[in-house]
Amino acid sequence: MLVKIDKINEVEHKVNVTLLDIDDLGSVVPMKDLELNLPLYDESVINILKTSTHVIIFTEVPPNGGNPTIISAINLTDDEL
């Protein structure tokens, strides 16, 4: 999913993001705000999120149906966006 990073809370291992979509005209449109879990033992994902404003993320939903956990992140520059 394509998201904008809003706030990272490393103490609680959470990140607040805005889910983005691209409309038929190619404009980036905010869809909804989400709270996602950060991976507990993968600093590389956290470092990507800290240095980026827009990222493509892949998540894993826990069996209990809680907030998804980010398992991978790819940085997007403003030009790529």
PDB file of N, CA and C in Angstrom:
ATOM      1  N   MET A   1       0.836  -1.178   0.000  1.00  0.00           N
ATOM      2  CA  MET A   1       0.000   0.000   0.000  1.00  0.00           C
ATOM      3  C   MET A   1       0.880   1.240   0.000  1.00  0.00           C
ATOM      4  N   LEU A   2       0.381   2.289  -0.596  1.00  0.00           N
ATOM      5  CA  LEU A   2       1.074   3.571  -0.669  1.00  0.00           C
ATOM      6  C   LEU A   2       0.609   4.427   0.500  1.00  0.00           C
ATOM      7  N   VAL A   3       1.563   4.918   1.301  1.00  0.00           N
ATOM      8  CA  VAL A   3       1.203   5.705   2.482  1.00  0.00           C
ATOM      9  C   VAL A   3       2.109   6.919   2.639  1.00  0.00           C
ATOM     10  N   LYS A   4       1.597   7.887   3.403  1.00  0.00           N
ATOM     11  CA  LYS A   4       2.372   9.046   3.850  1.00  0.00           C
ATOM     12  C   LYS A   4       2.616   8.843   5.338  1.00  0.00           C
ATOM     13  N   ILE A   5       3.870   8.979   5.764  1.00  0.00           N
ATOM     14  CA  ILE A   5       4.217   8.808   7.169  1.00  0.00           C
ATOM     15  C   ILE A   5       3.804  10.061   7.933  1.00  0.00           C
ATOM     16  N   ASP A   6       3.003   9.885   8.983  1.00  0.00           N
ATOM     17  CA  ASP A   6       2.561  11.013   9.792  1.00  0.00           C
ATOM     18  C   ASP A   6       3.323  11.105  11.114  1.00  0.00           C
ATOM     19  N   LYS A   7       3.447   9.969  11.824  1.00  0.00           N
ATOM     20  CA  LYS A   7       4.085   9.990  13.144  1.00  0.00           C
ATOM     21  C   LYS A   7       4.635   8.602  13.452  1.00  0.00           C
ATOM     22  N   ILE A   8       5.852   8.573  13.982  1.00  0.00           N
ATOM     23  CA  ILE A   8       6.475   7.311  14.385  1.00  0.00           C
ATOM     24  C   ILE A   8       6.659   7.335  15.895  1.00  0.00           C
ATOM     25  N   ASN A   9       6.182   6.294  16.578  1.00  0.00           N
ATOM     26  CA  ASN A   9       6.349   6.159  18.018  1.00  0.00           C
ATOM     27  C   ASN A   9       7.139   4.876  18.265  1.00  0.00           C
ATOM     28  N   GLU A  10       8.461   5.031  18.411  1.00  0.00           N
ATOM     29  CA  GLU A  10       9.322   3.860  18.585  1.00  0.00           C
ATOM     30  C   GLU A  10       9.125   3.189  19.933  1.00  0.00           C
ATOM     31  N   VAL A  11       8.729   3.949  20.948  1.00  0.00           N
ATOM     32  CA  VAL A  11       8.523   3.380  22.282  1.00  0.00           C
ATOM     33  C   VAL A  11       7.380   2.364  22.253  1.00  0.00           C
ATOM     34  N   GLU A  12       6.286   2.720  21.581  1.00  0.00           N
ATOM     35  CA  GLU A  12       5.122   1.829  21.501  1.00  0.00           C
ATOM     36  C   GLU A  12       5.152   0.938  20.261  1.00  0.00           C
ATOM     37  N   HIS A  13       6.182   1.077  19.433  1.00  0.00           N
ATOM     38  CA  HIS A  13       6.317   0.317  18.176  1.00  0.00           C
ATOM     39  C   HIS A  13       5.102   0.514  17.274  1.00  0.00           C
ATOM     40  N   LYS A  14       4.703   1.779  17.100  1.00  0.00           N
ATOM     41  CA  LYS A  14       3.545   2.136  16.270  1.00  0.00           C
ATOM     42  C   LYS A  14       3.938   3.225  15.283  1.00  0.00           C
ATOM     43  N   VAL A  15       3.229   3.270  14.173  1.00  0.00           N
ATOM     44  CA  VAL A  15       3.392   4.351  13.208  1.00  0.00           C
ATOM     45  C   VAL A  15       2.004   4.741  12.716  1.00  0.00           C
ATOM     46  N   ASN A  16       1.768   6.044  12.647  1.00  0.00           N
ATOM     47  CA  ASN A  16       0.523   6.566  12.094  1.00  0.00           C
ATOM     48  C   ASN A  16       0.799   6.997  10.666  1.00  0.00           C
ATOM     49  N   VAL A  17      -0.047   6.529   9.750  1.00  0.00           N
ATOM     50  CA  VAL A  17       0.128   6.821   8.331  1.00  0.00           C
ATOM     51  C   VAL A  17      -1.207   7.233   7.728  1.00  0.00           C
ATOM     52  N   THR A  18      -1.128   7.866   6.566  1.00  0.00           N
ATOM     53  CA  THR A  18      -2.311   8.152   5.763  1.00  0.00           C
ATOM     54  C   THR A  18      -2.235   7.286   4.517  1.00  0.00           C
ATOM     55  N   LEU A  19      -3.241   6.450   4.335  1.00  0.00           N
ATOM     56  CA  LEU A  19      -3.328   5.611   3.144  1.00  0.00           C
ATOM     57  C   LEU A  19      -3.632   6.495   1.948  1.00  0.00           C
ATOM     58  N   LEU A  20      -2.867   6.325   0.871  1.00  0.00           N
ATOM     59  CA  LEU A  20      -3.024   7.152  -0.324  1.00  0.00           C
ATOM     60  C   LEU A  20      -3.485   6.309  -1.509  1.00  0.00           C
ATOM     61  N   ASP A  21      -4.171   6.960  -2.422  1.00  0.00           N
ATOM     62  CA  ASP A  21      -4.587   6.323  -3.673  1.00  0.00           C
ATOM     63  C   ASP A  21      -4.264   7.287  -4.806  1.00  0.00           C
ATOM     64  N   ILE A  22      -4.223   6.782  -6.008  1.00  0.00           N
ATOM     65  CA  ILE A  22      -3.995   7.620  -7.185  1.00  0.00           C
ATOM     66  C   ILE A  22      -5.265   7.575  -8.025  1.00  0.00           C
ATOM     67  N   ASP A  23      -5.853   8.750  -8.266  1.00  0.00           N
ATOM     68  CA  ASP A  23      -7.121   8.793  -9.004  1.00  0.00           C
ATOM     69  C   ASP A  23      -6.890   8.677 -10.508  1.00  0.00           C
ATOM     70  N   ASP A  24      -7.978   8.722 -11.259  1.00  0.00           N
ATOM     71  CA  ASP A  24      -7.913   8.550 -12.714  1.00  0.00           C
ATOM     72  C   ASP A  24      -7.110   9.636 -13.423  1.00  0.00           C
ATOM     73  N   LEU A  25      -6.951  10.790 -12.769  1.00  0.00           N
ATOM     74  CA  LEU A  25      -6.193  11.893 -13.361  1.00  0.00           C
ATOM     75  C   LEU A  25      -4.722  11.880 -12.941  1.00  0.00           C
ATOM     76  N   GLY A  26      -4.337  10.902 -12.105  1.00  0.00           N
ATOM     77  CA  GLY A  26      -2.956  10.796 -11.659  1.00  0.00           C
ATOM     78  C   GLY A  26      -2.637  11.580 -10.408  1.00  0.00           C
ATOM     79  N   SER A  27      -3.661  12.119  -9.751  1.00  0.00           N
ATOM     80  CA  SER A  27      -3.448  12.864  -8.511  1.00  0.00           C
ATOM     81  C   SER A  27      -3.414  11.911  -7.320  1.00  0.00           C
ATOM     82  N   VAL A  28      -2.578  12.228  -6.335  1.00  0.00           N
ATOM     83  CA  VAL A  28      -2.508  11.444  -5.109  1.00  0.00           C
ATOM     84  C   VAL A  28      -3.607  11.936  -4.171  1.00  0.00           C
ATOM     85  N   VAL A  29      -4.433  10.995  -3.701  1.00  0.00           N
ATOM     86  CA  VAL A  29      -5.600  11.334  -2.892  1.00  0.00           C
ATOM     87  C   VAL A  29      -5.516  10.604  -1.553  1.00  0.00           C
ATOM     88  N   PRO A  30      -5.623  11.332  -0.416  1.00  0.00           N
ATOM     89  CA  PRO A  30      -5.651  10.654   0.886  1.00  0.00           C
ATOM     90  C   PRO A  30      -6.960   9.884   1.053  1.00  0.00           C
ATOM     91  N   MET A  31      -6.858   8.650   1.552  1.00  0.00           N
ATOM     92  CA  MET A  31      -8.043   7.807   1.715  1.00  0.00           C
ATOM     93  C   MET A  31      -8.475   7.710   3.178  1.00  0.00           C
ATOM     94  N   LYS A  32      -7.546   7.285   4.055  1.00  0.00           N
ATOM     95  CA  LYS A  32      -7.884   7.178   5.473  1.00  0.00           C
ATOM     96  C   LYS A  32      -6.616   7.094   6.302  1.00  0.00           C
ATOM     97  N   ASP A  33      -6.755   7.404   7.591  1.00  0.00           N
ATOM     98  CA  ASP A  33      -5.646   7.325   8.532  1.00  0.00           C
ATOM     99  C   ASP A  33      -5.601   5.927   9.136  1.00  0.00           C
ATOM    100  N   LEU A  34      -4.383   5.414   9.304  1.00  0.00           N
ATOM    101  CA  LEU A  34      -4.191   4.078   9.857  1.00  0.00           C
ATOM    102  C   LEU A  34      -3.129   4.108  10.939  1.00  0.00           C
ATOM    103  N   GLU A  35      -3.249   3.213  11.913  1.00  0.00           N
ATOM    104  CA  GLU A  35      -2.189   2.982  12.888  1.00  0.00           C
ATOM    105  C   GLU A  35      -1.665   1.575  12.642  1.00  0.00           C
ATOM    106  N   LEU A  36      -0.376   1.472  12.379  1.00  0.00           N
ATOM    107  CA  LEU A  36       0.250   0.192  12.079  1.00  0.00           C
ATOM    108  C   LEU A  36       1.320  -0.110  13.108  1.00  0.00           C
ATOM    109  N   ASN A  37       1.613  -1.387  13.280  1.00  0.00           N
ATOM    110  CA  ASN A  37       2.677  -1.804  14.185  1.00  0.00           C
ATOM    111  C   ASN A  37       4.009  -1.811  13.450  1.00  0.00           C
ATOM    112  N   LEU A  38       5.051  -1.410  14.170  1.00  0.00           N
ATOM    113  CA  LEU A  38       6.410  -1.504  13.639  1.00  0.00           C
ATOM    114  C   LEU A  38       6.960  -2.889  13.952  1.00  0.00           C
ATOM    115  N   PRO A  39       7.837  -3.408  13.109  1.00  0.00           N
ATOM    116  CA  PRO A  39       8.451  -4.703  13.421  1.00  0.00           C
ATOM    117  C   PRO A  39       9.346  -4.563  14.650  1.00  0.00           C
ATOM    118  N   LEU A  40       9.315  -5.560  15.521  1.00  0.00           N
ATOM    119  CA  LEU A  40      10.075  -5.472  16.770  1.00  0.00           C
ATOM    120  C   LEU A  40      11.576  -5.618  16.566  1.00  0.00           C
ATOM    121  N   TYR A  41      11.995  -6.392  15.568  1.00  0.00           N
ATOM    122  CA  TYR A  41      13.418  -6.706  15.445  1.00  0.00           C
ATOM    123  C   TYR A  41      14.000  -6.358  14.081  1.00  0.00           C
ATOM    124  N   ASP A  42      13.418  -5.385  13.397  1.00  0.00           N
ATOM    125  CA  ASP A  42      13.926  -5.018  12.072  1.00  0.00           C
ATOM    126  C   ASP A  42      14.126  -3.504  12.000  1.00  0.00           C
ATOM    127  N   GLU A  43      15.310  -3.063  12.363  1.00  0.00           N
ATOM    128  CA  GLU A  43      15.625  -1.634  12.358  1.00  0.00           C
ATOM    129  C   GLU A  43      15.646  -1.047  10.951  1.00  0.00           C
ATOM    130  N   SER A  44      15.867  -1.877   9.927  1.00  0.00           N
ATOM    131  CA  SER A  44      15.936  -1.348   8.560  1.00  0.00           C
ATOM    132  C   SER A  44      14.603  -0.741   8.140  1.00  0.00           C
ATOM    133  N   VAL A  45      13.489  -1.360   8.514  1.00  0.00           N
ATOM    134  CA  VAL A  45      12.172  -0.805   8.186  1.00  0.00           C
ATOM    135  C   VAL A  45      11.980   0.526   8.898  1.00  0.00           C
ATOM    136  N   ILE A  46      12.328   0.583  10.168  1.00  0.00           N
ATOM    137  CA  ILE A  46      12.176   1.816  10.950  1.00  0.00           C
ATOM    138  C   ILE A  46      13.039   2.927  10.361  1.00  0.00           C
ATOM    139  N   ASN A  47      14.268   2.600   9.950  1.00  0.00           N
ATOM    140  CA  ASN A  47      15.155   3.606   9.353  1.00  0.00           C
ATOM    141  C   ASN A  47      14.595   4.148   8.044  1.00  0.00           C
ATOM    142  N   ILE A  48      14.001   3.292   7.229  1.00  0.00           N
ATOM    143  CA  ILE A  48      13.380   3.754   5.980  1.00  0.00           C
ATOM    144  C   ILE A  48      12.229   4.699   6.293  1.00  0.00           C
ATOM    145  N   LEU A  49      11.401   4.344   7.263  1.00  0.00           N
ATOM    146  CA  LEU A  49      10.260   5.189   7.619  1.00  0.00           C
ATOM    147  C   LEU A  49      10.711   6.541   8.165  1.00  0.00           C
ATOM    148  N   LYS A  50      11.797   6.555   8.940  1.00  0.00           N
ATOM    149  CA  LYS A  50      12.308   7.804   9.522  1.00  0.00           C
ATOM    150  C   LYS A  50      12.829   8.768   8.461  1.00  0.00           C
ATOM    151  N   THR A  51      13.343   8.245   7.372  1.00  0.00           N
ATOM    152  CA  THR A  51      13.970   9.101   6.359  1.00  0.00           C
ATOM    153  C   THR A  51      13.063   9.360   5.162  1.00  0.00           C
ATOM    154  N   SER A  52      11.819   8.958   5.249  1.00  0.00           N
ATOM    155  CA  SER A  52      10.901   9.077   4.114  1.00  0.00           C
ATOM    156  C   SER A  52       9.623   9.793   4.516  1.00  0.00           C
ATOM    157  N   THR A  53       8.992  10.406   3.549  1.00  0.00           N
ATOM    158  CA  THR A  53       7.653  10.951   3.791  1.00  0.00           C
ATOM    159  C   THR A  53       6.598  10.087   3.121  1.00  0.00           C
ATOM    160  N   HIS A  54       6.951   9.470   2.003  1.00  0.00           N
ATOM    161  CA  HIS A  54       6.031   8.586   1.289  1.00  0.00           C
ATOM    162  C   HIS A  54       6.721   7.248   1.055  1.00  0.00           C
ATOM    163  N   VAL A  55       6.024   6.157   1.350  1.00  0.00           N
ATOM    164  CA  VAL A  55       6.599   4.826   1.172  1.00  0.00           C
ATOM    165  C   VAL A  55       5.539   3.853   0.657  1.00  0.00           C
ATOM    166  N   ILE A  56       6.028   2.822   0.016  1.00  0.00           N
ATOM    167  CA  ILE A  56       5.192   1.669  -0.286  1.00  0.00           C
ATOM    168  C   ILE A  56       5.494   0.658   0.807  1.00  0.00           C
ATOM    169  N   ILE A  57       4.448   0.181   1.479  1.00  0.00           N
ATOM    170  CA  ILE A  57       4.665  -0.773   2.564  1.00  0.00           C
ATOM    171  C   ILE A  57       3.907  -2.067   2.294  1.00  0.00           C
ATOM    172  N   PHE A  58       4.453  -3.115   2.859  1.00  0.00           N
ATOM    173  CA  PHE A  58       3.806  -4.420   2.853  1.00  0.00           C
ATOM    174  C   PHE A  58       3.560  -4.777   4.309  1.00  0.00           C
ATOM    175  N   THR A  59       2.373  -5.301   4.597  1.00  0.00           N
ATOM    176  CA  THR A  59       2.000  -5.579   5.980  1.00  0.00           C
ATOM    177  C   THR A  59       1.570  -7.026   6.150  1.00  0.00           C
ATOM    178  N   GLU A  60       1.558  -7.424   7.415  1.00  0.00           N
ATOM    179  CA  GLU A  60       1.083  -8.748   7.801  1.00  0.00           C
ATOM    180  C   GLU A  60       0.030  -8.543   8.881  1.00  0.00           C
ATOM    181  N   VAL A  61      -1.144  -9.145   8.698  1.00  0.00           N
ATOM    182  CA  VAL A  61      -2.222  -9.008   9.679  1.00  0.00           C
ATOM    183  C   VAL A  61      -2.095 -10.144  10.687  1.00  0.00           C
ATOM    184  N   PRO A  62      -2.072  -9.808  11.991  1.00  0.00           N
ATOM    185  CA  PRO A  62      -1.948 -10.861  13.003  1.00  0.00           C
ATOM    186  C   PRO A  62      -3.210 -11.736  13.056  1.00  0.00           C
ATOM    187  N   PRO A  63      -3.071 -12.975  13.517  1.00  0.00           N
ATOM    188  CA  PRO A  63      -4.221 -13.891  13.574  1.00  0.00           C
ATOM    189  C   PRO A  63      -5.369 -13.382  14.449  1.00  0.00           C
ATOM    190  N   ASN A  64      -5.047 -12.544  15.445  1.00  0.00           N
ATOM    191  CA  ASN A  64      -6.096 -12.041  16.339  1.00  0.00           C
ATOM    192  C   ASN A  64      -6.863 -10.867  15.735  1.00  0.00           C
ATOM    193  N   GLY A  65      -6.488 -10.453  14.529  1.00  0.00           N
ATOM    194  CA  GLY A  65      -7.201  -9.370  13.857  1.00  0.00           C
ATOM    195  C   GLY A  65      -6.804  -7.978  14.304  1.00  0.00           C
ATOM    196  N   GLY A  66      -5.687  -7.843  15.019  1.00  0.00           N
ATOM    197  CA  GLY A  66      -5.226  -6.526  15.474  1.00  0.00           C
ATOM    198  C   GLY A  66      -4.663  -5.700  14.329  1.00  0.00           C
ATOM    199  N   ASN A  67      -3.999  -4.607  14.689  1.00  0.00           N
ATOM    200  CA  ASN A  67      -3.393  -3.738  13.675  1.00  0.00           C
ATOM    201  C   ASN A  67      -2.327  -4.502  12.886  1.00  0.00           C
ATOM    202  N   PRO A  68      -2.272  -4.284  11.580  1.00  0.00           N
ATOM    203  CA  PRO A  68      -1.235  -4.933  10.766  1.00  0.00           C
ATOM    204  C   PRO A  68       0.166  -4.464  11.169  1.00  0.00           C
ATOM    205  N   THR A  69       1.142  -5.334  10.952  1.00  0.00           N
ATOM    206  CA  THR A  69       2.545  -5.027  11.206  1.00  0.00           C
ATOM    207  C   THR A  69       3.253  -4.833   9.872  1.00  0.00           C
ATOM    208  N   ILE A  70       4.045  -3.769   9.781  1.00  0.00           N
ATOM    209  CA  ILE A  70       4.825  -3.512   8.569  1.00  0.00           C
ATOM    210  C   ILE A  70       5.950  -4.540   8.494  1.00  0.00           C
ATOM    211  N   ILE A  71       6.056  -5.229   7.366  1.00  0.00           N
ATOM    212  CA  ILE A  71       7.123  -6.220   7.202  1.00  0.00           C
ATOM    213  C   ILE A  71       8.166  -5.778   6.180  1.00  0.00           C
ATOM    214  N   SER A  72       7.815  -4.783   5.349  1.00  0.00           N
ATOM    215  CA  SER A  72       8.754  -4.278   4.349  1.00  0.00           C
ATOM    216  C   SER A  72       8.332  -2.871   3.943  1.00  0.00           C
ATOM    217  N   ALA A  73       9.314  -2.039   3.606  1.00  0.00           N
ATOM    218  CA  ALA A  73       9.030  -0.665   3.191  1.00  0.00           C
ATOM    219  C   ALA A  73       9.987  -0.257   2.077  1.00  0.00           C
ATOM    220  N   ILE A  74       9.439   0.463   1.093  1.00  0.00           N
ATOM    221  CA  ILE A  74      10.233   0.969  -0.030  1.00  0.00           C
ATOM    222  C   ILE A  74      10.038   2.478  -0.101  1.00  0.00           C
ATOM    223  N   ASN A  75      11.131   3.224  -0.026  1.00  0.00           N
ATOM    224  CA  ASN A  75      11.096   4.680  -0.066  1.00  0.00           C
ATOM    225  C   ASN A  75      10.681   5.181  -1.449  1.00  0.00           C
ATOM    226  N   LEU A  76       9.869   6.235  -1.470  1.00  0.00           N
ATOM    227  CA  LEU A  76       9.515   6.915  -2.719  1.00  0.00           C
ATOM    228  C   LEU A  76       9.947   8.369  -2.631  1.00  0.00           C
ATOM    229  N   THR A  77      10.638   8.842  -3.644  1.00  0.00           N
ATOM    230  CA  THR A  77      10.979  10.260  -3.691  1.00  0.00           C
ATOM    231  C   THR A  77       9.768  11.036  -4.202  1.00  0.00           C
ATOM    232  N   ASP A  78       9.799  12.345  -4.053  1.00  0.00           N
ATOM    233  CA  ASP A  78       8.704  13.170  -4.563  1.00  0.00           C
ATOM    234  C   ASP A  78       8.573  13.031  -6.076  1.00  0.00           C
ATOM    235  N   ASP A  79       9.705  12.900  -6.770  1.00  0.00           N
ATOM    236  CA  ASP A  79       9.664  12.729  -8.226  1.00  0.00           C
ATOM    237  C   ASP A  79       9.011  11.406  -8.616  1.00  0.00           C
ATOM    238  N   GLU A  80       9.300  10.350  -7.870  1.00  0.00           N
ATOM    239  CA  GLU A  80       8.700   9.050  -8.157  1.00  0.00           C
ATOM    240  C   GLU A  80       7.205   9.040  -7.862  1.00  0.00           C
ATOM    241  N   LEU A  81       6.824   9.817  -6.874  1.00  0.00           N
ATOM    242  CA  LEU A  81       5.417   9.883  -6.496  1.00  0.00           C
ATOM    243  C   LEU A  81       4.631  10.587  -7.573  1.00  0.00           C
TER     244      LEU A  81
END
